[in-house]
């Protein structure tokens, strides 16, 4: 469980130093340097994977459910496109509604087909209530974290002198505010693994969600006060590191050995979908609450605090589900060895 924490949070180590480096380079060269740095890092990672990591020789029989993957992917794309475009073109406009109906139909078809296939992409028949609760917790919590994370650069670029009801631009370094979540992620993953090995992944997952709820609530003050923003950013970083580790460990403990690879992939899919959905919801709230001040379009305090409130409600719902998961789970104890 500790190794899972190191793996899931290890990527955050790179973000700690790169935040300060990219900020300086962006000022001197331009924001395009961000994409150049990312491409170089990705190429280096690919080379290291090929040269260093040995390929597993373990193979399992079966066929890849290509049709199921296409149905699931197209269905998610349609629904998410509706959420993304609805705020701009209108929630009842013909184009977004067509995407919503088509996406919903594809998802419904995927569910019906998957429930009858012998080797579906996702075996919805054998998920079980504890795993479903775990996935719902990760969906809500990860999405809430990401929706608030997108607010930090926005808040950091606004000064209190603009009198919008929020803003940190004249109070400190933006890079520090963006680097603290990465530090939290780096610490949160291994700490979550240590706790999960001792008190169980369900309790650790619930603790991570409650910690995140505190961090989200702190952003109500952090939107205008830098010390509170720094504290909340660090707590949210701890949360995402602990959340990912506890989620993988919890899902792994609920699946037999031959399904742990599929379940781990499912955890990643749910986290990604939650992040996209609540990011789009937050973006829609911000877009619909803009105002024109001195000829410039700006985000109002109603939009910023509305996004924080939505994230807080989602985290509270995740906390309720996590507590229910703890009540129905038994702590996992290490087996004694002679």
C-alpha atoms as a PDB file:
ATOM      1  CA  UNK A   1       0.000   0.000   0.000  1.00  0.00           C
ATOM      2  CA  UNK A   2       2.895   2.361   0.660  1.00  0.00           C
ATOM      3  CA  UNK A   3       4.348   1.614  -2.784  1.00  0.00           C
ATOM      4  CA  UNK A   4       1.011   2.510  -4.367  1.00  0.00           C
ATOM      5  CA  UNK A   5       1.227   5.855  -2.591  1.00  0.00           C
ATOM      6  CA  UNK A   6       4.724   6.483  -3.909  1.00  0.00           C
ATOM      7  CA  UNK A   7       3.709   5.605  -7.465  1.00  0.00           C
ATOM      8  CA  UNK A   8       0.483   7.622  -7.522  1.00  0.00           C
ATOM      9  CA  UNK A   9       2.024  10.759  -6.038  1.00  0.00           C
ATOM     10  CA  UNK A  10       5.534  10.544  -7.531  1.00  0.00           C
ATOM     11  CA  UNK A  11       4.631  12.635 -10.574  1.00  0.00           C
ATOM     12  CA  UNK A  12       3.926  15.587  -8.305  1.00  0.00           C
ATOM     13  CA  UNK A  13       7.620  15.877  -7.410  1.00  0.00           C
ATOM     14  CA  UNK A  14       8.349  17.298 -10.863  1.00  0.00           C
ATOM     15  CA  UNK A  15       5.667  19.946 -10.446  1.00  0.00           C
ATOM     16  CA  UNK A  16       7.245  21.444  -7.319  1.00  0.00           C
ATOM     17  CA  UNK A  17      10.307  22.891  -9.082  1.00  0.00           C
ATOM     18  CA  UNK A  18       8.712  23.269 -12.518  1.00  0.00           C
ATOM     19  CA  UNK A  19       6.115  25.727 -11.221  1.00  0.00           C
ATOM     20  CA  UNK A  20       8.806  28.293 -10.420  1.00  0.00           C
ATOM     21  CA  UNK A  21      10.850  27.496 -13.549  1.00  0.00           C
ATOM     22  CA  UNK A  22       7.896  27.777 -15.928  1.00  0.00           C
ATOM     23  CA  UNK A  23       6.717  31.038 -14.338  1.00  0.00           C
ATOM     24  CA  UNK A  24      10.099  32.659 -14.956  1.00  0.00           C
ATOM     25  CA  UNK A  25      10.421  31.245 -18.481  1.00  0.00           C
ATOM     26  CA  UNK A  26       6.886  32.318 -19.370  1.00  0.00           C
ATOM     27  CA  UNK A  27       7.710  35.914 -18.454  1.00  0.00           C
ATOM     28  CA  UNK A  28      10.924  35.940 -20.480  1.00  0.00           C
ATOM     29  CA  UNK A  29       9.945  33.763 -23.470  1.00  0.00           C
ATOM     30  CA  UNK A  30       6.165  33.482 -23.537  1.00  0.00           C
ATOM     31  CA  UNK A  31       3.500  31.079 -22.313  1.00  0.00           C
ATOM     32  CA  UNK A  32       4.223  28.702 -25.218  1.00  0.00           C
ATOM     33  CA  UNK A  33       7.277  27.486 -23.309  1.00  0.00           C
ATOM     34  CA  UNK A  34       4.904  25.527 -21.060  1.00  0.00           C
ATOM     35  CA  UNK A  35       4.019  23.213 -23.948  1.00  0.00           C
ATOM     36  CA  UNK A  36       7.650  22.853 -25.007  1.00  0.00           C
ATOM     37  CA  UNK A  37       8.718  21.838 -21.500  1.00  0.00           C
ATOM     38  CA  UNK A  38       5.822  19.379 -21.251  1.00  0.00           C
ATOM     39  CA  UNK A  39       6.739  17.790 -24.598  1.00  0.00           C
ATOM     40  CA  UNK A  40      10.394  17.402 -23.591  1.00  0.00           C
ATOM     41  CA  UNK A  41       9.437  15.802 -20.271  1.00  0.00           C
ATOM     42  CA  UNK A  42       6.988  13.440 -21.991  1.00  0.00           C
ATOM     43  CA  UNK A  43       9.655  12.342 -24.498  1.00  0.00           C
ATOM     44  CA  UNK A  44      12.150  11.721 -21.691  1.00  0.00           C
ATOM     45  CA  UNK A  45       9.573   9.681 -19.800  1.00  0.00           C
ATOM     46  CA  UNK A  46       8.818   7.538 -22.834  1.00  0.00           C
ATOM     47  CA  UNK A  47      12.509   6.806 -23.368  1.00  0.00           C
ATOM     48  CA  UNK A  48      12.984   5.883 -19.712  1.00  0.00           C
ATOM     49  CA  UNK A  49       9.996   3.520 -19.816  1.00  0.00           C
ATOM     50  CA  UNK A  50      11.393   1.692 -22.838  1.00  0.00           C
ATOM     51  CA  UNK A  51      14.946   1.445 -21.514  1.00  0.00           C
ATOM     52  CA  UNK A  52      14.386   0.866 -17.788  1.00  0.00           C
ATOM     53  CA  UNK A  53      11.056  -0.855 -17.122  1.00  0.00           C
ATOM     54  CA  UNK A  54      10.983  -4.551 -18.089  1.00  0.00           C
ATOM     55  CA  UNK A  55       7.994  -5.794 -20.043  1.00  0.00           C
ATOM     56  CA  UNK A  56       5.806  -8.268 -18.184  1.00  0.00           C
ATOM     57  CA  UNK A  57       5.605 -11.723 -19.718  1.00  0.00           C
ATOM     58  CA  UNK A  58       2.283 -12.474 -18.051  1.00  0.00           C
ATOM     59  CA  UNK A  59      -0.531 -12.655 -20.584  1.00  0.00           C
ATOM     60  CA  UNK A  60      -4.198 -13.429 -20.076  1.00  0.00           C
ATOM     61  CA  UNK A  61      -6.495 -14.943 -22.697  1.00  0.00           C
ATOM     62  CA  UNK A  62      -9.473 -13.005 -23.961  1.00  0.00           C
ATOM     63  CA  UNK A  63     -10.551 -10.367 -26.443  1.00  0.00           C
ATOM     64  CA  UNK A  64     -10.574  -6.592 -26.143  1.00  0.00           C
ATOM     65  CA  UNK A  65     -14.088  -5.177 -26.165  1.00  0.00           C
ATOM     66  CA  UNK A  66     -13.519  -2.630 -28.932  1.00  0.00           C
ATOM     67  CA  UNK A  67     -17.233  -2.032 -29.553  1.00  0.00           C
ATOM     68  CA  UNK A  68     -17.821  -1.421 -25.860  1.00  0.00           C
ATOM     69  CA  UNK A  69     -14.905   1.016 -25.723  1.00  0.00           C
ATOM     70  CA  UNK A  70     -16.279   2.960 -28.699  1.00  0.00           C
ATOM     71  CA  UNK A  71     -19.778   3.119 -27.220  1.00  0.00           C
ATOM     72  CA  UNK A  72     -18.519   4.187 -23.800  1.00  0.00           C
ATOM     73  CA  UNK A  73     -16.122   6.768 -25.241  1.00  0.00           C
ATOM     74  CA  UNK A  74     -18.627   8.293 -27.637  1.00  0.00           C
ATOM     75  CA  UNK A  75     -21.300   8.375 -24.951  1.00  0.00           C
ATOM     76  CA  UNK A  76     -19.057  10.196 -22.497  1.00  0.00           C
ATOM     77  CA  UNK A  77     -17.885  12.571 -25.226  1.00  0.00           C
ATOM     78  CA  UNK A  78     -21.475  13.474 -26.128  1.00  0.00           C
ATOM     79  CA  UNK A  79     -22.587  14.143 -22.554  1.00  0.00           C
ATOM     80  CA  UNK A  80     -19.442  16.101 -21.657  1.00  0.00           C
ATOM     81  CA  UNK A  81     -19.684  18.125 -24.871  1.00  0.00           C
ATOM     82  CA  UNK A  82     -23.215  19.121 -23.879  1.00  0.00           C
ATOM     83  CA  UNK A  83     -21.959  20.320 -20.487  1.00  0.00           C
ATOM     84  CA  UNK A  84     -19.113  22.203 -22.137  1.00  0.00           C
ATOM     85  CA  UNK A  85     -21.141  23.855 -24.915  1.00  0.00           C
ATOM     86  CA  UNK A  86     -24.434  24.361 -23.098  1.00  0.00           C
ATOM     87  CA  UNK A  87     -23.280  27.435 -21.194  1.00  0.00           C
ATOM     88  CA  UNK A  88     -22.130  29.118 -24.411  1.00  0.00           C
ATOM     89  CA  UNK A  89     -24.868  28.216 -26.902  1.00  0.00           C
ATOM     90  CA  UNK A  90     -27.743  27.607 -24.465  1.00  0.00           C
ATOM     91  CA  UNK A  91     -28.753  24.526 -22.509  1.00  0.00           C
ATOM     92  CA  UNK A  92     -31.826  24.020 -24.708  1.00  0.00           C
ATOM     93  CA  UNK A  93     -30.142  24.828 -28.018  1.00  0.00           C
ATOM     94  CA  UNK A  94     -30.478  22.223 -30.755  1.00  0.00           C
ATOM     95  CA  UNK A  95     -26.762  21.405 -31.125  1.00  0.00           C
ATOM     96  CA  UNK A  96     -25.990  20.711 -27.450  1.00  0.00           C
ATOM     97  CA  UNK A  97     -29.256  18.797 -27.017  1.00  0.00           C
ATOM     98  CA  UNK A  98     -28.402  16.537 -29.956  1.00  0.00           C
ATOM     99  CA  UNK A  99     -25.025  15.785 -28.353  1.00  0.00           C
ATOM    100  CA  UNK A 100     -26.710  15.042 -25.026  1.00  0.00           C
ATOM    101  CA  UNK A 101     -29.309  12.699 -26.518  1.00  0.00           C
ATOM    102  CA  UNK A 102     -26.735  10.907 -28.685  1.00  0.00           C
ATOM    103  CA  UNK A 103     -24.332  10.539 -25.759  1.00  0.00           C
ATOM    104  CA  UNK A 104     -27.038   9.266 -23.428  1.00  0.00           C
ATOM    105  CA  UNK A 105     -28.206   6.778 -26.065  1.00  0.00           C
ATOM    106  CA  UNK A 106     -24.644   5.495 -26.566  1.00  0.00           C
ATOM    107  CA  UNK A 107     -24.170   5.069 -22.808  1.00  0.00           C
ATOM    108  CA  UNK A 108     -27.489   3.258 -22.484  1.00  0.00           C
ATOM    109  CA  UNK A 109     -26.560   0.949 -25.355  1.00  0.00           C
ATOM    110  CA  UNK A 110     -23.136   0.315 -23.796  1.00  0.00           C
ATOM    111  CA  UNK A 111     -24.726  -0.612 -20.470  1.00  0.00           C
ATOM    112  CA  UNK A 112     -27.234  -3.009 -22.039  1.00  0.00           C
ATOM    113  CA  UNK A 113     -24.604  -4.697 -24.220  1.00  0.00           C
ATOM    114  CA  UNK A 114     -22.021  -4.895 -21.423  1.00  0.00           C
ATOM    115  CA  UNK A 115     -24.474  -6.591 -19.094  1.00  0.00           C
ATOM    116  CA  UNK A 116     -24.792  -9.480 -21.575  1.00  0.00           C
ATOM    117  CA  UNK A 117     -21.264  -9.867 -22.956  1.00  0.00           C
ATOM    118  CA  UNK A 118     -19.033 -12.619 -21.521  1.00  0.00           C
ATOM    119  CA  UNK A 119     -15.943 -10.349 -21.554  1.00  0.00           C
ATOM    120  CA  UNK A 120     -17.135  -6.728 -21.451  1.00  0.00           C
ATOM    121  CA  UNK A 121     -14.884  -3.701 -21.165  1.00  0.00           C
ATOM    122  CA  UNK A 122     -16.301  -3.077 -17.680  1.00  0.00           C
ATOM    123  CA  UNK A 123     -18.135  -5.921 -15.969  1.00  0.00           C
ATOM    124  CA  UNK A 124     -21.042  -3.967 -14.499  1.00  0.00           C
ATOM    125  CA  UNK A 125     -22.594  -7.163 -13.162  1.00  0.00           C
ATOM    126  CA  UNK A 126     -19.811  -7.873 -10.682  1.00  0.00           C
ATOM    127  CA  UNK A 127     -18.873  -4.440  -9.387  1.00  0.00           C
ATOM    128  CA  UNK A 128     -20.501  -4.820  -5.984  1.00  0.00           C
ATOM    129  CA  UNK A 129     -21.835  -2.077  -3.704  1.00  0.00           C
ATOM    130  CA  UNK A 130     -18.528  -1.318  -1.879  1.00  0.00           C
ATOM    131  CA  UNK A 131     -16.682  -0.802  -5.163  1.00  0.00           C
ATOM    132  CA  UNK A 132     -19.507   1.345  -6.550  1.00  0.00           C
ATOM    133  CA  UNK A 133     -19.406   3.506  -3.413  1.00  0.00           C
ATOM    134  CA  UNK A 134     -15.625   3.806  -3.730  1.00  0.00           C
ATOM    135  CA  UNK A 135     -15.918   4.928  -7.351  1.00  0.00           C
ATOM    136  CA  UNK A 136     -18.616   7.475  -6.473  1.00  0.00           C
ATOM    137  CA  UNK A 137     -16.448   8.909  -3.693  1.00  0.00           C
ATOM    138  CA  UNK A 138     -13.509   9.263  -6.086  1.00  0.00           C
ATOM    139  CA  UNK A 139     -15.734  10.781  -8.790  1.00  0.00           C
ATOM    140  CA  UNK A 140     -17.101  13.493  -6.498  1.00  0.00           C
ATOM    141  CA  UNK A 141     -13.936  14.241  -4.533  1.00  0.00           C
ATOM    142  CA  UNK A 142     -11.476  14.276  -7.440  1.00  0.00           C
ATOM    143  CA  UNK A 143     -13.806  16.403  -9.526  1.00  0.00           C
ATOM    144  CA  UNK A 144     -14.308  18.886  -6.700  1.00  0.00           C
ATOM    145  CA  UNK A 145     -10.565  19.226  -6.202  1.00  0.00           C
ATOM    146  CA  UNK A 146      -9.957  19.881  -9.892  1.00  0.00           C
ATOM    147  CA  UNK A 147     -12.777  22.419 -10.149  1.00  0.00           C
ATOM    148  CA  UNK A 148     -11.278  24.450  -7.291  1.00  0.00           C
ATOM    149  CA  UNK A 149      -7.753  24.016  -8.645  1.00  0.00           C
ATOM    150  CA  UNK A 150      -8.775  25.802 -11.863  1.00  0.00           C
ATOM    151  CA  UNK A 151      -9.860  28.775  -9.746  1.00  0.00           C
ATOM    152  CA  UNK A 152      -6.429  29.334  -8.193  1.00  0.00           C
ATOM    153  CA  UNK A 153      -4.768  30.936 -11.272  1.00  0.00           C
ATOM    154  CA  UNK A 154      -7.888  33.037 -11.809  1.00  0.00           C
ATOM    155  CA  UNK A 155      -7.908  34.287  -8.226  1.00  0.00           C
ATOM    156  CA  UNK A 156      -4.153  34.832  -8.272  1.00  0.00           C
ATOM    157  CA  UNK A 157      -4.400  37.125 -11.324  1.00  0.00           C
ATOM    158  CA  UNK A 158      -6.934  39.477  -9.720  1.00  0.00           C
ATOM    159  CA  UNK A 159      -5.877  42.126  -7.218  1.00  0.00           C
ATOM    160  CA  UNK A 160      -7.918  43.223  -4.243  1.00  0.00           C
ATOM    161  CA  UNK A 161      -7.806  46.759  -5.627  1.00  0.00           C
ATOM    162  CA  UNK A 162     -10.190  45.767  -8.403  1.00  0.00           C
ATOM    163  CA  UNK A 163     -12.875  45.398  -5.715  1.00  0.00           C
ATOM    164  CA  UNK A 164     -14.419  42.248  -7.163  1.00  0.00           C
ATOM    165  CA  UNK A 165     -14.728  40.564  -3.779  1.00  0.00           C
ATOM    166  CA  UNK A 166     -11.749  38.276  -4.325  1.00  0.00           C
ATOM    167  CA  UNK A 167      -8.152  38.446  -5.525  1.00  0.00           C
ATOM    168  CA  UNK A 168      -4.585  37.644  -4.445  1.00  0.00           C
ATOM    169  CA  UNK A 169      -2.434  39.218  -7.172  1.00  0.00           C
ATOM    170  CA  UNK A 170      -0.926  41.875  -4.916  1.00  0.00           C
ATOM    171  CA  UNK A 171      -0.298  39.578  -1.931  1.00  0.00           C
ATOM    172  CA  UNK A 172       2.442  37.147  -2.995  1.00  0.00           C
ATOM    173  CA  UNK A 173       3.901  34.721  -5.549  1.00  0.00           C
ATOM    174  CA  UNK A 174       1.548  32.843  -7.835  1.00  0.00           C
ATOM    175  CA  UNK A 175       4.155  30.099  -8.241  1.00  0.00           C
ATOM    176  CA  UNK A 176       4.144  29.377  -4.503  1.00  0.00           C
ATOM    177  CA  UNK A 177       0.381  29.062  -4.539  1.00  0.00           C
ATOM    178  CA  UNK A 178       0.564  26.621  -7.470  1.00  0.00           C
ATOM    179  CA  UNK A 179       3.490  24.631  -6.047  1.00  0.00           C
ATOM    180  CA  UNK A 180       1.955  23.919  -2.638  1.00  0.00           C
ATOM    181  CA  UNK A 181      -0.620  21.417  -3.982  1.00  0.00           C
ATOM    182  CA  UNK A 182       2.228  19.460  -5.604  1.00  0.00           C
ATOM    183  CA  UNK A 183       4.063  19.341  -2.264  1.00  0.00           C
ATOM    184  CA  UNK A 184       0.874  18.129  -0.604  1.00  0.00           C
ATOM    185  CA  UNK A 185       0.376  15.427  -3.226  1.00  0.00           C
ATOM    186  CA  UNK A 186       3.952  14.222  -2.760  1.00  0.00           C
ATOM    187  CA  UNK A 187       3.446  13.861   0.995  1.00  0.00           C
ATOM    188  CA  UNK A 188      -0.164  12.701   0.898  1.00  0.00           C
ATOM    189  CA  UNK A 189       0.396   9.589  -1.212  1.00  0.00           C
ATOM    190  CA  UNK A 190       2.966   7.773   0.964  1.00  0.00           C
ATOM    191  CA  UNK A 191       1.261   8.903   4.191  1.00  0.00           C
ATOM    192  CA  UNK A 192      -2.023   7.505   2.912  1.00  0.00           C
ATOM    193  CA  UNK A 193      -0.310   4.214   2.101  1.00  0.00           C
ATOM    194  CA  UNK A 194       1.151   4.002   5.621  1.00  0.00           C
ATOM    195  CA  UNK A 195      -2.221   4.701   7.210  1.00  0.00           C
ATOM    196  CA  UNK A 196      -4.054   2.271   4.925  1.00  0.00           C
ATOM    197  CA  UNK A 197      -1.657  -0.515   5.931  1.00  0.00           C
ATOM    198  CA  UNK A 198      -2.511   0.101   9.596  1.00  0.00           C
ATOM    199  CA  UNK A 199      -6.133   1.203   9.812  1.00  0.00           C
ATOM    200  CA  UNK A 200      -7.467   0.070   6.427  1.00  0.00           C
ATOM    201  CA  UNK A 201      -8.028   1.858   3.111  1.00  0.00           C
ATOM    202  CA  UNK A 202     -11.702   2.621   3.791  1.00  0.00           C
ATOM    203  CA  UNK A 203     -10.957   4.690   6.897  1.00  0.00           C
ATOM    204  CA  UNK A 204      -8.026   6.354   5.129  1.00  0.00           C
ATOM    205  CA  UNK A 205     -10.253   7.226   2.175  1.00  0.00           C
ATOM    206  CA  UNK A 206     -12.857   8.758   4.490  1.00  0.00           C
ATOM    207  CA  UNK A 207     -10.167  10.771   6.278  1.00  0.00           C
ATOM    208  CA  UNK A 208      -8.841  12.077   2.959  1.00  0.00           C
ATOM    209  CA  UNK A 209     -12.311  13.216   1.915  1.00  0.00           C
ATOM    210  CA  UNK A 210     -12.906  15.013   5.229  1.00  0.00           C
ATOM    211  CA  UNK A 211      -9.507  16.692   4.914  1.00  0.00           C
ATOM    212  CA  UNK A 212     -10.446  17.844   1.426  1.00  0.00           C
ATOM    213  CA  UNK A 213     -13.743  19.232   2.686  1.00  0.00           C
ATOM    214  CA  UNK A 214     -11.837  21.376   5.186  1.00  0.00           C
ATOM    215  CA  UNK A 215      -9.551  22.579   2.385  1.00  0.00           C
ATOM    216  CA  UNK A 216     -12.487  23.475   0.150  1.00  0.00           C
ATOM    217  CA  UNK A 217     -14.265  25.392   2.908  1.00  0.00           C
ATOM    218  CA  UNK A 218     -11.033  27.261   3.599  1.00  0.00           C
ATOM    219  CA  UNK A 219     -11.106  28.629   0.053  1.00  0.00           C
ATOM    220  CA  UNK A 220     -14.079  30.824   0.958  1.00  0.00           C
ATOM    221  CA  UNK A 221     -11.569  32.861   2.965  1.00  0.00           C
ATOM    222  CA  UNK A 222      -8.629  31.957   0.734  1.00  0.00           C
ATOM    223  CA  UNK A 223     -10.195  33.681  -2.263  1.00  0.00           C
ATOM    224  CA  UNK A 224      -9.173  37.016  -0.734  1.00  0.00           C
ATOM    225  CA  UNK A 225      -6.550  36.139   1.910  1.00  0.00           C
ATOM    226  CA  UNK A 226      -3.227  34.640   0.820  1.00  0.00           C
ATOM    227  CA  UNK A 227      -2.394  32.758   4.081  1.00  0.00           C
ATOM    228  CA  UNK A 228      -5.756  30.986   3.970  1.00  0.00           C
ATOM    229  CA  UNK A 229      -5.276  30.242   0.255  1.00  0.00           C
ATOM    230  CA  UNK A 230      -1.838  28.721   0.903  1.00  0.00           C
ATOM    231  CA  UNK A 231      -3.205  26.552   3.713  1.00  0.00           C
ATOM    232  CA  UNK A 232      -6.160  25.394   1.647  1.00  0.00           C
ATOM    233  CA  UNK A 233      -3.961  24.671  -1.381  1.00  0.00           C
ATOM    234  CA  UNK A 234      -1.672  22.510   0.752  1.00  0.00           C
ATOM    235  CA  UNK A 235      -4.607  20.654   2.323  1.00  0.00           C
ATOM    236  CA  UNK A 236      -6.110  20.006  -1.099  1.00  0.00           C
ATOM    237  CA  UNK A 237      -2.763  18.672  -2.300  1.00  0.00           C
ATOM    238  CA  UNK A 238      -2.608  16.304   0.661  1.00  0.00           C
ATOM    239  CA  UNK A 239      -6.158  15.290  -0.154  1.00  0.00           C
ATOM    240  CA  UNK A 240      -5.550  14.406  -3.789  1.00  0.00           C
ATOM    241  CA  UNK A 241      -2.427  12.388  -2.924  1.00  0.00           C
ATOM    242  CA  UNK A 242      -4.189  10.522  -0.131  1.00  0.00           C
ATOM    243  CA  UNK A 243      -7.371  10.169  -2.164  1.00  0.00           C
ATOM    244  CA  UNK A 244      -5.726   8.542  -5.164  1.00  0.00           C
ATOM    245  CA  UNK A 245      -3.669   6.161  -3.033  1.00  0.00           C
ATOM    246  CA  UNK A 246      -6.564   5.170  -0.789  1.00  0.00           C
ATOM    247  CA  UNK A 247      -8.823   4.771  -3.814  1.00  0.00           C
ATOM    248  CA  UNK A 248      -6.441   2.375  -5.558  1.00  0.00           C
ATOM    249  CA  UNK A 249      -5.815   0.440  -2.350  1.00  0.00           C
ATOM    250  CA  UNK A 250      -9.521   0.249  -1.549  1.00  0.00           C
ATOM    251  CA  UNK A 251     -10.464  -0.895  -5.036  1.00  0.00           C
ATOM    252  CA  UNK A 252      -7.616  -3.430  -5.054  1.00  0.00           C
ATOM    253  CA  UNK A 253      -8.769  -4.888  -1.742  1.00  0.00           C
ATOM    254  CA  UNK A 254     -12.274  -5.391  -3.147  1.00  0.00           C
ATOM    255  CA  UNK A 255     -11.237  -7.182  -6.356  1.00  0.00           C
ATOM    256  CA  UNK A 256      -9.762 -10.658  -6.868  1.00  0.00           C
ATOM    257  CA  UNK A 257      -6.246 -10.871  -8.251  1.00  0.00           C
ATOM    258  CA  UNK A 258      -7.354 -11.517 -11.830  1.00  0.00           C
ATOM    259  CA  UNK A 259      -9.512  -8.341 -11.886  1.00  0.00           C
ATOM    260  CA  UNK A 260      -7.254  -5.880 -10.097  1.00  0.00           C
ATOM    261  CA  UNK A 261      -5.793  -4.537 -13.341  1.00  0.00           C
ATOM    262  CA  UNK A 262      -9.254  -3.803 -14.723  1.00  0.00           C
ATOM    263  CA  UNK A 263     -10.424  -2.289 -11.440  1.00  0.00           C
ATOM    264  CA  UNK A 264      -7.348  -0.038 -11.266  1.00  0.00           C
ATOM    265  CA  UNK A 265      -8.089   1.200 -14.769  1.00  0.00           C
ATOM    266  CA  UNK A 266     -11.679   1.818 -13.742  1.00  0.00           C
ATOM    267  CA  UNK A 267     -10.469   3.948 -10.825  1.00  0.00           C
ATOM    268  CA  UNK A 268      -8.429   6.093 -13.223  1.00  0.00           C
ATOM    269  CA  UNK A 269     -11.381   6.450 -15.612  1.00  0.00           C
ATOM    270  CA  UNK A 270     -13.721   7.552 -12.814  1.00  0.00           C
ATOM    271  CA  UNK A 271     -11.215  10.081 -11.470  1.00  0.00           C
ATOM    272  CA  UNK A 272     -10.714  11.501 -14.970  1.00  0.00           C
ATOM    273  CA  UNK A 273     -14.448  11.717 -15.674  1.00  0.00           C
ATOM    274  CA  UNK A 274     -15.123  13.384 -12.315  1.00  0.00           C
ATOM    275  CA  UNK A 275     -12.397  15.924 -12.985  1.00  0.00           C
ATOM    276  CA  UNK A 276     -13.760  16.757 -16.428  1.00  0.00           C
ATOM    277  CA  UNK A 277     -17.427  16.921 -15.393  1.00  0.00           C
ATOM    278  CA  UNK A 278     -16.982  19.231 -12.411  1.00  0.00           C
ATOM    279  CA  UNK A 279     -14.401  21.299 -14.287  1.00  0.00           C
ATOM    280  CA  UNK A 280     -16.973  21.856 -17.019  1.00  0.00           C
ATOM    281  CA  UNK A 281     -19.653  22.649 -14.439  1.00  0.00           C
ATOM    282  CA  UNK A 282     -17.347  25.177 -12.784  1.00  0.00           C
ATOM    283  CA  UNK A 283     -16.469  26.732 -16.140  1.00  0.00           C
ATOM    284  CA  UNK A 284     -20.176  27.000 -16.966  1.00  0.00           C
ATOM    285  CA  UNK A 285     -20.842  28.778 -13.656  1.00  0.00           C
ATOM    286  CA  UNK A 286     -17.974  31.211 -14.260  1.00  0.00           C
ATOM    287  CA  UNK A 287     -19.108  31.906 -17.827  1.00  0.00           C
ATOM    288  CA  UNK A 288     -22.703  32.578 -16.819  1.00  0.00           C
ATOM    289  CA  UNK A 289     -21.763  34.999 -14.004  1.00  0.00           C
ATOM    290  CA  UNK A 290     -19.346  37.363 -15.770  1.00  0.00           C
ATOM    291  CA  UNK A 291     -19.728  41.133 -15.666  1.00  0.00           C
ATOM    292  CA  UNK A 292     -18.321  44.048 -17.665  1.00  0.00           C
ATOM    293  CA  UNK A 293     -16.189  46.443 -15.601  1.00  0.00           C
ATOM    294  CA  UNK A 294     -14.530  49.423 -17.322  1.00  0.00           C
ATOM    295  CA  UNK A 295     -15.004  47.718 -20.676  1.00  0.00           C
ATOM    296  CA  UNK A 296     -13.401  44.428 -19.600  1.00  0.00           C
ATOM    297  CA  UNK A 297     -15.254  41.167 -18.983  1.00  0.00           C
ATOM    298  CA  UNK A 298     -14.403  39.827 -15.530  1.00  0.00           C
ATOM    299  CA  UNK A 299     -15.530  36.978 -13.322  1.00  0.00           C
ATOM    300  CA  UNK A 300     -17.705  38.082 -10.447  1.00  0.00           C
ATOM    301  CA  UNK A 301     -17.477  36.977  -6.826  1.00  0.00           C
ATOM    302  CA  UNK A 302     -20.788  35.167  -7.318  1.00  0.00           C
ATOM    303  CA  UNK A 303     -19.197  32.906  -9.922  1.00  0.00           C
ATOM    304  CA  UNK A 304     -16.020  32.241  -7.929  1.00  0.00           C
ATOM    305  CA  UNK A 305     -17.781  31.525  -4.646  1.00  0.00           C
ATOM    306  CA  UNK A 306     -20.477  29.591  -6.518  1.00  0.00           C
ATOM    307  CA  UNK A 307     -17.805  27.219  -7.854  1.00  0.00           C
ATOM    308  CA  UNK A 308     -16.372  26.788  -4.362  1.00  0.00           C
ATOM    309  CA  UNK A 309     -19.853  26.110  -2.974  1.00  0.00           C
ATOM    310  CA  UNK A 310     -20.553  23.440  -5.618  1.00  0.00           C
ATOM    311  CA  UNK A 311     -17.230  21.773  -4.825  1.00  0.00           C
ATOM    312  CA  UNK A 312     -18.012  21.879  -1.100  1.00  0.00           C
ATOM    313  CA  UNK A 313     -21.405  20.232  -1.639  1.00  0.00           C
ATOM    314  CA  UNK A 314     -19.806  17.525  -3.802  1.00  0.00           C
ATOM    315  CA  UNK A 315     -17.136  16.898  -1.155  1.00  0.00           C
ATOM    316  CA  UNK A 316     -19.809  16.720   1.554  1.00  0.00           C
ATOM    317  CA  UNK A 317     -21.710  14.127  -0.498  1.00  0.00           C
ATOM    318  CA  UNK A 318     -18.456  12.184  -0.971  1.00  0.00           C
ATOM    319  CA  UNK A 319     -17.879  12.324   2.805  1.00  0.00           C
ATOM    320  CA  UNK A 320     -21.305  10.813   3.463  1.00  0.00           C
ATOM    321  CA  UNK A 321     -20.615   7.983   1.017  1.00  0.00           C
ATOM    322  CA  UNK A 322     -17.128   7.436   2.474  1.00  0.00           C
ATOM    323  CA  UNK A 323     -18.515   7.129   6.002  1.00  0.00           C
ATOM    324  CA  UNK A 324     -21.067   4.629   4.721  1.00  0.00           C
ATOM    325  CA  UNK A 325     -18.235   2.715   3.086  1.00  0.00           C
ATOM    326  CA  UNK A 326     -16.362   2.583   6.397  1.00  0.00           C
ATOM    327  CA  UNK A 327     -19.444   1.273   8.184  1.00  0.00           C
ATOM    328  CA  UNK A 328     -19.750  -1.587   5.714  1.00  0.00           C
ATOM    329  CA  UNK A 329     -16.042  -2.452   5.592  1.00  0.00           C
ATOM    330  CA  UNK A 330     -13.676  -4.216   7.921  1.00  0.00           C
ATOM    331  CA  UNK A 331     -10.118  -3.042   8.437  1.00  0.00           C
ATOM    332  CA  UNK A 332      -7.573  -4.981   6.401  1.00  0.00           C
ATOM    333  CA  UNK A 333      -4.857  -6.470   8.582  1.00  0.00           C
ATOM    334  CA  UNK A 334      -1.493  -7.730   7.440  1.00  0.00           C
ATOM    335  CA  UNK A 335      -1.122 -11.481   7.493  1.00  0.00           C
ATOM    336  CA  UNK A 336       1.284 -12.840  10.078  1.00  0.00           C
ATOM    337  CA  UNK A 337       4.320 -14.710   8.818  1.00  0.00           C
ATOM    338  CA  UNK A 338       6.061 -17.489  10.618  1.00  0.00           C
END
